[in-house]
Each structure stands twice: as C-alpha cells, then as structure tokens.
Amino acid sequence: MGEYRIFLDHYARADNNQLKQYWLHGEGAAKWATWTQLYSHLKKHMADEMAKRVAAQWFHDRYGYWPGQKGDNPTGPG
C-alpha cells in the first residue's frame, strides 16, 4: 500500500505532470468531455482506483465542478 500511496500522491500533487498536461491542455483534451471518457483513457495508464480519483480531480480542474455534483452543475443534474 505504501508504494501505491506514494504513486497516488505524485499524481495528486504534480501540476507539471506530462500525463496531466496531455489530457488537460494537449492533444488529449479533445478526446474527452465527460468523467467517464477521461476515466476510460486513464485506466490504460494506471490502476483502476487511481484512474477514478485522477479523472475526478482533472475533471474538476477542467470544468470547475466535481463529476456527479448536484446543484451548481452547469450541464444539468449530476
């Protein structure tokens, strides 16, 4: 669990991460519009549970609200 935690912390904290830059600002940004689409891509590069967490964070970074968030979601009910 320790190695996984370090790996997860690395993704959670690294703003200059190449994978993050690709999916949020690079060519990968055009390949997803929903959390599910991003998650499907990310799980090819990391463990399933980590892909879920990273997809949620990056979705929030991109859109300013959490996937499934009710109330302030501009695209409709979560």
PDB file of N, CA and C in Angstrom:
ATOM      1  N   MET A   1       0.828  -1.200   0.000  1.00  0.00           N
ATOM      2  CA  MET A   1       0.000   0.000   0.000  1.00  0.00           C
ATOM      3  C   MET A   1       0.862   1.250   0.000  1.00  0.00           C
ATOM      4  N   GLY A   2       2.023   1.193   0.632  1.00  0.00           N
ATOM      5  CA  GLY A   2       2.893   2.358   0.710  1.00  0.00           C
ATOM      6  C   GLY A   2       3.333   2.867  -0.644  1.00  0.00           C
ATOM      7  N   GLU A   3       3.768   1.966  -1.527  1.00  0.00           N
ATOM      8  CA  GLU A   3       4.199   2.381  -2.864  1.00  0.00           C
ATOM      9  C   GLU A   3       3.037   2.975  -3.642  1.00  0.00           C
ATOM     10  N   TYR A   4       1.861   2.367  -3.533  1.00  0.00           N
ATOM     11  CA  TYR A   4       0.671   2.875  -4.224  1.00  0.00           C
ATOM     12  C   TYR A   4       0.333   4.272  -3.722  1.00  0.00           C
ATOM     13  N   ARG A   5       0.439   4.488  -2.422  1.00  0.00           N
ATOM     14  CA  ARG A   5       0.129   5.793  -1.821  1.00  0.00           C
ATOM     15  C   ARG A   5       1.091   6.856  -2.345  1.00  0.00           C
ATOM     16  N   ILE A   6       2.378   6.524  -2.421  1.00  0.00           N
ATOM     17  CA  ILE A   6       3.368   7.464  -2.950  1.00  0.00           C
ATOM     18  C   ILE A   6       3.053   7.785  -4.405  1.00  0.00           C
ATOM     19  N   PHE A   7       2.701   6.746  -5.173  1.00  0.00           N
ATOM     20  CA  PHE A   7       2.355   6.922  -6.578  1.00  0.00           C
ATOM     21  C   PHE A   7       1.127   7.816  -6.721  1.00  0.00           C
ATOM     22  N   LEU A   8       0.112   7.579  -5.902  1.00  0.00           N
ATOM     23  CA  LEU A   8      -1.106   8.379  -5.923  1.00  0.00           C
ATOM     24  C   LEU A   8      -0.805   9.815  -5.525  1.00  0.00           C
ATOM     25  N   ASP A   9      -0.016  10.004  -4.477  1.00  0.00           N
ATOM     26  CA  ASP A   9       0.356  11.351  -4.050  1.00  0.00           C
ATOM     27  C   ASP A   9       1.072  12.098  -5.160  1.00  0.00           C
ATOM     28  N   HIS A  10       1.912  11.383  -5.896  1.00  0.00           N
ATOM     29  CA  HIS A  10       2.634  12.002  -7.005  1.00  0.00           C
ATOM     30  C   HIS A  10       1.648  12.579  -8.020  1.00  0.00           C
ATOM     31  N   TYR A  11       0.637  11.809  -8.387  1.00  0.00           N
ATOM     32  CA  TYR A  11      -0.345  12.297  -9.357  1.00  0.00           C
ATOM     33  C   TYR A  11      -1.227  13.387  -8.771  1.00  0.00           C
ATOM     34  N   ALA A  12      -1.555  13.292  -7.523  1.00  0.00           N
ATOM     35  CA  ALA A  12      -2.424  14.284  -6.898  1.00  0.00           C
ATOM     36  C   ALA A  12      -1.729  15.631  -6.766  1.00  0.00           C
ATOM     37  N   ARG A  13      -0.421  15.649  -6.601  1.00  0.00           N
ATOM     38  CA  ARG A  13       0.312  16.893  -6.338  1.00  0.00           C
ATOM     39  C   ARG A  13       1.040  17.477  -7.539  1.00  0.00           C
ATOM     40  N   ALA A  14       1.319  16.677  -8.544  1.00  0.00           N
ATOM     41  CA  ALA A  14       2.193  17.124  -9.628  1.00  0.00           C
ATOM     42  C   ALA A  14       1.423  17.933 -10.666  1.00  0.00           C
ATOM     43  N   ASP A  15       1.558  19.251 -10.614  1.00  0.00           N
ATOM     44  CA  ASP A  15       0.894  20.101 -11.590  1.00  0.00           C
ATOM     45  C   ASP A  15       1.595  20.078 -12.941  1.00  0.00           C
ATOM     46  N   ASN A  16       2.861  19.745 -12.975  1.00  0.00           N
ATOM     47  CA  ASN A  16       3.611  19.730 -14.221  1.00  0.00           C
ATOM     48  C   ASN A  16       3.742  18.333 -14.793  1.00  0.00           C
ATOM     49  N   ASN A  17       2.918  17.451 -14.356  1.00  0.00           N
ATOM     50  CA  ASN A  17       2.929  16.069 -14.803  1.00  0.00           C
ATOM     51  C   ASN A  17       2.623  16.007 -16.302  1.00  0.00           C
ATOM     52  N   GLN A  18       3.423  15.259 -17.057  1.00  0.00           N
ATOM     53  CA  GLN A  18       3.234  15.175 -18.501  1.00  0.00           C
ATOM     54  C   GLN A  18       1.886  14.591 -18.885  1.00  0.00           C
ATOM     55  N   LEU A  19       1.453  13.558 -18.175  1.00  0.00           N
ATOM     56  CA  LEU A  19       0.167  12.947 -18.472  1.00  0.00           C
ATOM     57  C   LEU A  19      -0.965  13.943 -18.228  1.00  0.00           C
ATOM     58  N   LYS A  20      -0.880  14.682 -17.135  1.00  0.00           N
ATOM     59  CA  LYS A  20      -1.901  15.687 -16.828  1.00  0.00           C
ATOM     60  C   LYS A  20      -1.912  16.778 -17.897  1.00  0.00           C
ATOM     61  N   GLN A  21      -0.761  17.244 -18.274  1.00  0.00           N
ATOM     62  CA  GLN A  21      -0.687  18.287 -19.304  1.00  0.00           C
ATOM     63  C   GLN A  21      -1.294  17.798 -20.619  1.00  0.00           C
ATOM     64  N   TYR A  22      -1.011  16.556 -20.969  1.00  0.00           N
ATOM     65  CA  TYR A  22      -1.543  15.990 -22.209  1.00  0.00           C
ATOM     66  C   TYR A  22      -3.069  15.950 -22.174  1.00  0.00           C
ATOM     67  N   TRP A  23      -3.642  15.430 -21.081  1.00  0.00           N
ATOM     68  CA  TRP A  23      -5.096  15.247 -21.011  1.00  0.00           C
ATOM     69  C   TRP A  23      -5.860  16.528 -20.724  1.00  0.00           C
ATOM     70  N   LEU A  24      -5.242  17.505 -20.090  1.00  0.00           N
ATOM     71  CA  LEU A  24      -5.950  18.755 -19.798  1.00  0.00           C
ATOM     72  C   LEU A  24      -5.705  19.855 -20.827  1.00  0.00           C
ATOM     73  N   HIS A  25      -4.510  19.889 -21.401  1.00  0.00           N
ATOM     74  CA  HIS A  25      -4.159  21.019 -22.252  1.00  0.00           C
ATOM     75  C   HIS A  25      -3.602  20.618 -23.613  1.00  0.00           C
ATOM     76  N   GLY A  26      -3.191  19.388 -23.761  1.00  0.00           N
ATOM     77  CA  GLY A  26      -2.588  18.930 -25.004  1.00  0.00           C
ATOM     78  C   GLY A  26      -3.589  18.257 -25.926  1.00  0.00           C
ATOM     79  N   GLU A  27      -3.081  17.385 -26.771  1.00  0.00           N
ATOM     80  CA  GLU A  27      -3.916  16.683 -27.744  1.00  0.00           C
ATOM     81  C   GLU A  27      -5.006  15.847 -27.088  1.00  0.00           C
ATOM     82  N   GLY A  28      -4.737  15.345 -25.897  1.00  0.00           N
ATOM     83  CA  GLY A  28      -5.704  14.502 -25.210  1.00  0.00           C
ATOM     84  C   GLY A  28      -6.955  15.239 -24.771  1.00  0.00           C
ATOM     85  N   ALA A  29      -6.864  16.548 -24.608  1.00  0.00           N
ATOM     86  CA  ALA A  29      -8.012  17.331 -24.133  1.00  0.00           C
ATOM     87  C   ALA A  29      -9.207  17.227 -25.081  1.00  0.00           C
ATOM     88  N   ALA A  30      -8.948  17.056 -26.357  1.00  0.00           N
ATOM     89  CA  ALA A  30     -10.026  16.942 -27.345  1.00  0.00           C
ATOM     90  C   ALA A  30     -10.679  15.562 -27.340  1.00  0.00           C
ATOM     91  N   LYS A  31     -10.100  14.625 -26.607  1.00  0.00           N
ATOM     92  CA  LYS A  31     -10.586  13.246 -26.623  1.00  0.00           C
ATOM     93  C   LYS A  31     -11.594  12.937 -25.525  1.00  0.00           C
ATOM     94  N   TRP A  32     -11.893  13.917 -24.660  1.00  0.00           N
ATOM     95  CA  TRP A  32     -12.861  13.656 -23.590  1.00  0.00           C
ATOM     96  C   TRP A  32     -13.643  14.911 -23.238  1.00  0.00           C
ATOM     97  N   ALA A  33     -14.891  14.677 -22.841  1.00  0.00           N
ATOM     98  CA  ALA A  33     -15.753  15.759 -22.366  1.00  0.00           C
ATOM     99  C   ALA A  33     -16.471  15.352 -21.085  1.00  0.00           C
ATOM    100  N   THR A  34     -16.413  14.081 -20.748  1.00  0.00           N
ATOM    101  CA  THR A  34     -17.079  13.585 -19.546  1.00  0.00           C
ATOM    102  C   THR A  34     -16.066  12.856 -18.673  1.00  0.00           C
ATOM    103  N   TRP A  35     -16.421  12.690 -17.401  1.00  0.00           N
ATOM    104  CA  TRP A  35     -15.566  11.925 -16.495  1.00  0.00           C
ATOM    105  C   TRP A  35     -15.372  10.510 -17.011  1.00  0.00           C
ATOM    106  N   THR A  36     -16.420   9.896 -17.511  1.00  0.00           N
ATOM    107  CA  THR A  36     -16.359   8.516 -17.990  1.00  0.00           C
ATOM    108  C   THR A  36     -15.374   8.378 -19.143  1.00  0.00           C
ATOM    109  N   GLN A  37     -15.384   9.319 -20.057  1.00  0.00           N
ATOM    110  CA  GLN A  37     -14.451   9.270 -21.182  1.00  0.00           C
ATOM    111  C   GLN A  37     -13.010   9.405 -20.699  1.00  0.00           C
ATOM    112  N   LEU A  38     -12.764  10.355 -19.796  1.00  0.00           N
ATOM    113  CA  LEU A  38     -11.409  10.538 -19.271  1.00  0.00           C
ATOM    114  C   LEU A  38     -10.961   9.303 -18.508  1.00  0.00           C
ATOM    115  N   TYR A  39     -11.829   8.781 -17.658  1.00  0.00           N
ATOM    116  CA  TYR A  39     -11.511   7.577 -16.884  1.00  0.00           C
ATOM    117  C   TYR A  39     -11.142   6.414 -17.809  1.00  0.00           C
ATOM    118  N   SER A  40     -11.884   6.244 -18.884  1.00  0.00           N
ATOM    119  CA  SER A  40     -11.607   5.153 -19.829  1.00  0.00           C
ATOM    120  C   SER A  40     -10.206   5.264 -20.418  1.00  0.00           C
ATOM    121  N   HIS A  41      -9.779   6.477 -20.682  1.00  0.00           N
ATOM    122  CA  HIS A  41      -8.422   6.675 -21.202  1.00  0.00           C
ATOM    123  C   HIS A  41      -7.374   6.453 -20.111  1.00  0.00           C
ATOM    124  N   LEU A  42      -7.613   7.014 -18.927  1.00  0.00           N
ATOM    125  CA  LEU A  42      -6.618   6.952 -17.861  1.00  0.00           C
ATOM    126  C   LEU A  42      -6.376   5.544 -17.339  1.00  0.00           C
ATOM    127  N   LYS A  43      -7.403   4.699 -17.319  1.00  0.00           N
ATOM    128  CA  LYS A  43      -7.210   3.356 -16.765  1.00  0.00           C
ATOM    129  C   LYS A  43      -6.281   2.508 -17.621  1.00  0.00           C
ATOM    130  N   LYS A  44      -5.934   2.979 -18.807  1.00  0.00           N
ATOM    131  CA  LYS A  44      -4.935   2.311 -19.632  1.00  0.00           C
ATOM    132  C   LYS A  44      -3.521   2.623 -19.134  1.00  0.00           C
ATOM    133  N   HIS A  45      -3.399   3.676 -18.331  1.00  0.00           N
ATOM    134  CA  HIS A  45      -2.090   4.157 -17.889  1.00  0.00           C
ATOM    135  C   HIS A  45      -1.820   3.975 -16.403  1.00  0.00           C
ATOM    136  N   MET A  46      -2.866   3.602 -15.623  1.00  0.00           N
ATOM    137  CA  MET A  46      -2.693   3.480 -14.179  1.00  0.00           C
ATOM    138  C   MET A  46      -3.733   2.531 -13.609  1.00  0.00           C
ATOM    139  N   ALA A  47      -3.577   2.193 -12.351  1.00  0.00           N
ATOM    140  CA  ALA A  47      -4.510   1.288 -11.672  1.00  0.00           C
ATOM    141  C   ALA A  47      -5.921   1.877 -11.686  1.00  0.00           C
ATOM    142  N   ASP A  48      -6.916   1.001 -11.686  1.00  0.00           N
ATOM    143  CA  ASP A  48      -8.313   1.386 -11.810  1.00  0.00           C
ATOM    144  C   ASP A  48      -8.740   2.424 -10.766  1.00  0.00           C
ATOM    145  N   GLU A  49      -8.478   2.158  -9.501  1.00  0.00           N
ATOM    146  CA  GLU A  49      -8.898   3.079  -8.438  1.00  0.00           C
ATOM    147  C   GLU A  49      -8.198   4.433  -8.566  1.00  0.00           C
ATOM    148  N   MET A  50      -6.938   4.415  -8.937  1.00  0.00           N
ATOM    149  CA  MET A  50      -6.229   5.667  -9.103  1.00  0.00           C
ATOM    150  C   MET A  50      -6.781   6.431 -10.304  1.00  0.00           C
ATOM    151  N   ALA A  51      -7.119   5.721 -11.372  1.00  0.00           N
ATOM    152  CA  ALA A  51      -7.692   6.367 -12.550  1.00  0.00           C
ATOM    153  C   ALA A  51      -9.000   7.070 -12.194  1.00  0.00           C
ATOM    154  N   LYS A  52      -9.799   6.469 -11.327  1.00  0.00           N
ATOM    155  CA  LYS A  52     -11.057   7.094 -10.900  1.00  0.00           C
ATOM    156  C   LYS A  52     -10.789   8.404 -10.168  1.00  0.00           C
ATOM    157  N   ARG A  53      -9.824   8.382  -9.257  1.00  0.00           N
ATOM    158  CA  ARG A  53      -9.517   9.582  -8.466  1.00  0.00           C
ATOM    159  C   ARG A  53      -8.894  10.681  -9.320  1.00  0.00           C
ATOM    160  N   VAL A  54      -7.956  10.282 -10.169  1.00  0.00           N
ATOM    161  CA  VAL A  54      -7.290  11.258 -11.028  1.00  0.00           C
ATOM    162  C   VAL A  54      -8.294  11.852 -12.009  1.00  0.00           C
ATOM    163  N   ALA A  55      -9.165  11.023 -12.580  1.00  0.00           N
ATOM    164  CA  ALA A  55     -10.178  11.525 -13.512  1.00  0.00           C
ATOM    165  C   ALA A  55     -11.095  12.530 -12.820  1.00  0.00           C
ATOM    166  N   ALA A  56     -11.486  12.240 -11.593  1.00  0.00           N
ATOM    167  CA  ALA A  56     -12.347  13.170 -10.854  1.00  0.00           C
ATOM    168  C   ALA A  56     -11.637  14.507 -10.631  1.00  0.00           C
ATOM    169  N   GLN A  57     -10.369  14.453 -10.218  1.00  0.00           N
ATOM    170  CA  GLN A  57      -9.627  15.687  -9.955  1.00  0.00           C
ATOM    171  C   GLN A  57      -9.431  16.491 -11.231  1.00  0.00           C
ATOM    172  N   TRP A  58      -9.038  15.827 -12.306  1.00  0.00           N
ATOM    173  CA  TRP A  58      -8.792  16.538 -13.557  1.00  0.00           C
ATOM    174  C   TRP A  58     -10.079  17.055 -14.179  1.00  0.00           C
ATOM    175  N   PHE A  59     -11.179  16.328 -14.015  1.00  0.00           N
ATOM    176  CA  PHE A  59     -12.484  16.811 -14.445  1.00  0.00           C
ATOM    177  C   PHE A  59     -12.798  18.114 -13.704  1.00  0.00           C
ATOM    178  N   HIS A  60     -12.569  18.116 -12.400  1.00  0.00           N
ATOM    179  CA  HIS A  60     -12.795  19.314 -11.593  1.00  0.00           C
ATOM    180  C   HIS A  60     -11.867  20.448 -12.026  1.00  0.00           C
ATOM    181  N   ASP A  61     -10.607  20.130 -12.278  1.00  0.00           N
ATOM    182  CA  ASP A  61      -9.656  21.147 -12.733  1.00  0.00           C
ATOM    183  C   ASP A  61     -10.126  21.793 -14.034  1.00  0.00           C
ATOM    184  N   ARG A  62     -10.691  20.994 -14.920  1.00  0.00           N
ATOM    185  CA  ARG A  62     -11.106  21.484 -16.234  1.00  0.00           C
ATOM    186  C   ARG A  62     -12.429  22.251 -16.191  1.00  0.00           C
ATOM    187  N   TYR A  63     -13.410  21.721 -15.465  1.00  0.00           N
ATOM    188  CA  TYR A  63     -14.751  22.284 -15.520  1.00  0.00           C
ATOM    189  C   TYR A  63     -15.151  23.108 -14.296  1.00  0.00           C
ATOM    190  N   GLY A  64     -14.433  22.974 -13.198  1.00  0.00           N
ATOM    191  CA  GLY A  64     -14.727  23.772 -12.017  1.00  0.00           C
ATOM    192  C   GLY A  64     -15.810  23.207 -11.119  1.00  0.00           C
ATOM    193  N   TYR A  65     -16.257  22.018 -11.373  1.00  0.00           N
ATOM    194  CA  TYR A  65     -17.206  21.321 -10.508  1.00  0.00           C
ATOM    195  C   TYR A  65     -16.873  19.835 -10.541  1.00  0.00           C
ATOM    196  N   TRP A  66     -17.326  19.108  -9.535  1.00  0.00           N
ATOM    197  CA  TRP A  66     -16.998  17.688  -9.412  1.00  0.00           C
ATOM    198  C   TRP A  66     -17.959  16.846 -10.235  1.00  0.00           C
ATOM    199  N   PRO A  67     -17.476  15.755 -10.813  1.00  0.00           N
ATOM    200  CA  PRO A  67     -18.384  14.873 -11.542  1.00  0.00           C
ATOM    201  C   PRO A  67     -19.475  14.359 -10.593  1.00  0.00           C
ATOM    202  N   GLY A  68     -20.695  14.400 -11.064  1.00  0.00           N
ATOM    203  CA  GLY A  68     -21.816  13.958 -10.233  1.00  0.00           C
ATOM    204  C   GLY A  68     -22.328  14.992  -9.270  1.00  0.00           C
ATOM    205  N   GLN A  69     -21.719  16.161  -9.259  1.00  0.00           N
ATOM    206  CA  GLN A  69     -22.133  17.225  -8.329  1.00  0.00           C
ATOM    207  C   GLN A  69     -23.528  17.713  -8.689  1.00  0.00           C
ATOM    208  N   LYS A  70     -24.364  17.802  -7.724  1.00  0.00           N
ATOM    209  CA  LYS A  70     -25.723  18.298  -7.951  1.00  0.00           C
ATOM    210  C   LYS A  70     -25.800  19.771  -7.554  1.00  0.00           C
ATOM    211  N   GLY A  71     -26.666  20.495  -8.198  1.00  0.00           N
ATOM    212  CA  GLY A  71     -26.881  21.890  -7.838  1.00  0.00           C
ATOM    213  C   GLY A  71     -26.200  22.855  -8.788  1.00  0.00           C
ATOM    214  N   ASP A  72     -24.878  23.021  -8.638  1.00  0.00           N
ATOM    215  CA  ASP A  72     -24.170  24.023  -9.416  1.00  0.00           C
ATOM    216  C   ASP A  72     -23.656  23.500 -10.753  1.00  0.00           C
ATOM    217  N   ASN A  73     -23.986  22.283 -11.106  1.00  0.00           N
ATOM    218  CA  ASN A  73     -23.525  21.674 -12.339  1.00  0.00           C
ATOM    219  C   ASN A  73     -24.177  22.381 -13.524  1.00  0.00           C
ATOM    220  N   PRO A  74     -23.400  23.098 -14.352  1.00  0.00           N
ATOM    221  CA  PRO A  74     -23.983  23.859 -15.457  1.00  0.00           C
ATOM    222  C   PRO A  74     -24.540  22.994 -16.580  1.00  0.00           C
ATOM    223  N   THR A  75     -24.185  21.713 -16.616  1.00  0.00           N
ATOM    224  CA  THR A  75     -24.662  20.847 -17.683  1.00  0.00           C
ATOM    225  C   THR A  75     -25.917  20.081 -17.304  1.00  0.00           C
ATOM    226  N   GLY A  76     -26.420  20.304 -16.113  1.00  0.00           N
ATOM    227  CA  GLY A  76     -27.637  19.631 -15.680  1.00  0.00           C
ATOM    228  C   GLY A  76     -27.432  18.852 -14.408  1.00  0.00           C
ATOM    229  N   PRO A  77     -28.434  18.101 -13.983  1.00  0.00           N
ATOM    230  CA  PRO A  77     -28.309  17.342 -12.731  1.00  0.00           C
ATOM    231  C   PRO A  77     -27.207  16.306 -12.815  1.00  0.00           C
ATOM    232  N   GLY A  78     -26.498  16.143 -11.708  1.00  0.00           N
ATOM    233  CA  GLY A  78     -25.390  15.187 -11.651  1.00  0.00           C
ATOM    234  C   GLY A  78     -25.899  13.814 -11.622  1.00  0.00           C
TER     235      GLY A  78
END
